[in-house]
Amino acid sequence: MTATTLIDALNEAFGTPGFSEKISDRENKLRIVELERLGYKPKKIIHNENATIVLWNDGTKTVIKGQGDDLFAAFCICFAKKYCHGSTVLNQLFYCTEVKNDCK
């Protein structure tokens, strides 16, 4: 399955909160409205091979280096970094989680 929206990508990556079936379009719209209200709506995305800068509707910006041509991955990292209020919490969340690689 290929994610077509940020919400689809988050659901694909982390699962739908509380239940496993796909959430409705109405619920997706409510989530997006809530994210926008909290300042998580991108106003502008500036991307090149060296860095990605996301300017948010609340007047803040998030900058990451790298990610090459993968704009979606760069945006997702910027979103996670903003949501976690910086990379420190994001790094702690990642490095304190057991990673299991089930390649078959």
C-alpha atoms as a PDB file:
ATOM      1  CA  MET A   1       0.000   0.000   0.000  1.00  0.00           C
ATOM      2  CA  THR A   2       1.305   3.414  -0.912  1.00  0.00           C
ATOM      3  CA  ALA A   3       0.463   6.315   1.388  1.00  0.00           C
ATOM      4  CA  THR A   4      -1.236   9.200  -0.374  1.00  0.00           C
ATOM      5  CA  THR A   5      -1.514  11.604   2.564  1.00  0.00           C
ATOM      6  CA  LEU A   6       0.424  12.339   5.724  1.00  0.00           C
ATOM      7  CA  ILE A   7      -2.328  10.687   7.786  1.00  0.00           C
ATOM      8  CA  ASP A   8      -2.147   7.545   5.614  1.00  0.00           C
ATOM      9  CA  ALA A   9       1.628   7.474   6.086  1.00  0.00           C
ATOM     10  CA  LEU A  10       1.307   7.827   9.862  1.00  0.00           C
ATOM     11  CA  ASN A  11      -1.366   5.114   9.961  1.00  0.00           C
ATOM     12  CA  GLU A  12       0.813   2.870   7.809  1.00  0.00           C
ATOM     13  CA  ALA A  13       3.878   3.436   9.984  1.00  0.00           C
ATOM     14  CA  PHE A  14       2.322   3.401  13.450  1.00  0.00           C
ATOM     15  CA  GLY A  15      -1.112   1.826  13.021  1.00  0.00           C
ATOM     16  CA  THR A  16      -4.443   3.422  13.652  1.00  0.00           C
ATOM     17  CA  PRO A  17      -4.852   4.383  17.302  1.00  0.00           C
ATOM     18  CA  GLY A  18      -7.285   2.171  19.188  1.00  0.00           C
ATOM     19  CA  PHE A  19      -8.321  -0.155  16.365  1.00  0.00           C
ATOM     20  CA  SER A  20      -6.835  -1.904  13.367  1.00  0.00           C
ATOM     21  CA  GLU A  21      -9.353  -1.160  10.596  1.00  0.00           C
ATOM     22  CA  LYS A  22      -8.901   1.814   8.307  1.00  0.00           C
ATOM     23  CA  ILE A  23     -10.308   5.052   9.673  1.00  0.00           C
ATOM     24  CA  SER A  24     -12.959   7.019   7.820  1.00  0.00           C
ATOM     25  CA  ASP A  25     -12.378  10.040   5.624  1.00  0.00           C
ATOM     26  CA  ARG A  26     -14.270  12.095   8.207  1.00  0.00           C
ATOM     27  CA  GLU A  27     -11.853  10.999  10.938  1.00  0.00           C
ATOM     28  CA  ASN A  28      -8.896  11.831   8.664  1.00  0.00           C
ATOM     29  CA  LYS A  29     -10.311  15.320   8.091  1.00  0.00           C
ATOM     30  CA  LEU A  30     -10.812  15.811  11.837  1.00  0.00           C
ATOM     31  CA  ARG A  31      -7.203  14.775  12.487  1.00  0.00           C
ATOM     32  CA  ILE A  32      -5.932  17.181   9.839  1.00  0.00           C
ATOM     33  CA  VAL A  33      -7.989  20.052  11.288  1.00  0.00           C
ATOM     34  CA  GLU A  34      -6.587  19.285  14.747  1.00  0.00           C
ATOM     35  CA  LEU A  35      -3.010  19.149  13.423  1.00  0.00           C
ATOM     36  CA  GLU A  36      -3.543  22.488  11.676  1.00  0.00           C
ATOM     37  CA  ARG A  37      -4.956  23.998  14.875  1.00  0.00           C
ATOM     38  CA  LEU A  38      -1.847  22.874  16.759  1.00  0.00           C
ATOM     39  CA  GLY A  39       0.466  24.477  14.173  1.00  0.00           C
ATOM     40  CA  TYR A  40       1.410  21.343  12.226  1.00  0.00           C
ATOM     41  CA  LYS A  41       0.284  22.570   8.810  1.00  0.00           C
ATOM     42  CA  PRO A  42       3.186  23.309   6.478  1.00  0.00           C
ATOM     43  CA  LYS A  43       3.029  26.775   4.946  1.00  0.00           C
ATOM     44  CA  LYS A  44       6.031  26.228   2.645  1.00  0.00           C
ATOM     45  CA  ILE A  45       8.570  23.465   2.032  1.00  0.00           C
ATOM     46  CA  ILE A  46      12.032  24.325   0.726  1.00  0.00           C
ATOM     47  CA  HIS A  47      13.958  21.250  -0.401  1.00  0.00           C
ATOM     48  CA  ASN A  48      17.257  20.620  -2.132  1.00  0.00           C
ATOM     49  CA  GLU A  49      19.895  17.888  -2.004  1.00  0.00           C
ATOM     50  CA  ASN A  50      21.538  19.366   1.107  1.00  0.00           C
ATOM     51  CA  ALA A  51      18.647  20.354   3.374  1.00  0.00           C
ATOM     52  CA  THR A  52      14.899  20.569   3.824  1.00  0.00           C
ATOM     53  CA  ILE A  53      13.220  23.488   5.569  1.00  0.00           C
ATOM     54  CA  VAL A  54       9.554  23.374   6.516  1.00  0.00           C
ATOM     55  CA  LEU A  55       7.910  26.672   7.387  1.00  0.00           C
ATOM     56  CA  TRP A  56       4.844  25.976   9.545  1.00  0.00           C
ATOM     57  CA  ASN A  57       1.601  27.934   9.787  1.00  0.00           C
ATOM     58  CA  ASP A  58       2.409  28.892  13.403  1.00  0.00           C
ATOM     59  CA  GLY A  59       5.479  30.887  12.279  1.00  0.00           C
ATOM     60  CA  THR A  60       8.110  28.311  13.280  1.00  0.00           C
ATOM     61  CA  LYS A  61      10.450  26.366  11.015  1.00  0.00           C
ATOM     62  CA  THR A  62      12.080  22.947  11.092  1.00  0.00           C
ATOM     63  CA  VAL A  63      15.373  22.225   9.322  1.00  0.00           C
ATOM     64  CA  ILE A  64      16.974  18.879   8.576  1.00  0.00           C
ATOM     65  CA  LYS A  65      20.112  18.111   6.606  1.00  0.00           C
ATOM     66  CA  GLY A  66      20.359  15.369   4.017  1.00  0.00           C
ATOM     67  CA  GLN A  67      17.683  12.984   2.661  1.00  0.00           C
ATOM     68  CA  GLY A  68      18.749  13.701  -0.919  1.00  0.00           C
ATOM     69  CA  ASP A  69      15.830  13.669  -3.350  1.00  0.00           C
ATOM     70  CA  ASP A  70      13.330  12.015  -0.988  1.00  0.00           C
ATOM     71  CA  LEU A  71      11.064  14.958  -0.190  1.00  0.00           C
ATOM     72  CA  PHE A  72       8.414  12.829   1.528  1.00  0.00           C
ATOM     73  CA  ALA A  73      10.961  11.257   3.905  1.00  0.00           C
ATOM     74  CA  ALA A  74      12.439  14.684   4.618  1.00  0.00           C
ATOM     75  CA  PHE A  75       8.986  16.114   5.366  1.00  0.00           C
ATOM     76  CA  CYS A  76       8.135  13.175   7.657  1.00  0.00           C
ATOM     77  CA  ILE A  77      11.360  13.718   9.603  1.00  0.00           C
ATOM     78  CA  CYS A  78      10.589  17.442   9.901  1.00  0.00           C
ATOM     79  CA  PHE A  79       7.070  16.618  11.088  1.00  0.00           C
ATOM     80  CA  ALA A  80       8.352  14.148  13.683  1.00  0.00           C
ATOM     81  CA  LYS A  81      11.000  16.607  14.843  1.00  0.00           C
ATOM     82  CA  LYS A  82       8.374  19.357  15.278  1.00  0.00           C
ATOM     83  CA  TYR A  83       5.903  16.990  16.940  1.00  0.00           C
ATOM     84  CA  CYS A  84       8.575  15.843  19.428  1.00  0.00           C
ATOM     85  CA  HIS A  85       9.715  19.456  20.014  1.00  0.00           C
ATOM     86  CA  GLY A  86      13.208  18.776  18.677  1.00  0.00           C
ATOM     87  CA  SER A  87      15.480  15.918  17.825  1.00  0.00           C
ATOM     88  CA  THR A  88      16.466  15.073  21.425  1.00  0.00           C
ATOM     89  CA  VAL A  89      13.119  13.460  22.272  1.00  0.00           C
ATOM     90  CA  LEU A  90      12.957  11.854  18.833  1.00  0.00           C
ATOM     91  CA  ASN A  91      16.446  10.358  19.258  1.00  0.00           C
ATOM     92  CA  GLN A  92      15.616   9.080  22.750  1.00  0.00           C
ATOM     93  CA  LEU A  93      12.397   7.534  21.473  1.00  0.00           C
ATOM     94  CA  PHE A  94      14.253   5.787  18.649  1.00  0.00           C
ATOM     95  CA  TYR A  95      17.339   4.642  20.546  1.00  0.00           C
ATOM     96  CA  CYS A  96      15.317   3.348  23.521  1.00  0.00           C
ATOM     97  CA  THR A  97      13.196   1.115  21.284  1.00  0.00           C
ATOM     98  CA  GLU A  98      14.118  -2.451  20.435  1.00  0.00           C
ATOM     99  CA  VAL A  99      14.478  -2.892  16.679  1.00  0.00           C
ATOM    100  CA  LYS A 100      13.800  -6.305  15.212  1.00  0.00           C
ATOM    101  CA  ASN A 101      14.695  -6.980  11.590  1.00  0.00           C
ATOM    102  CA  ASP A 102      12.550  -9.806  10.217  1.00  0.00           C
ATOM    103  CA  CYS A 103      13.984 -10.223   6.741  1.00  0.00           C
ATOM    104  CA  LYS A 104      12.805 -13.476   5.150  1.00  0.00           C
END
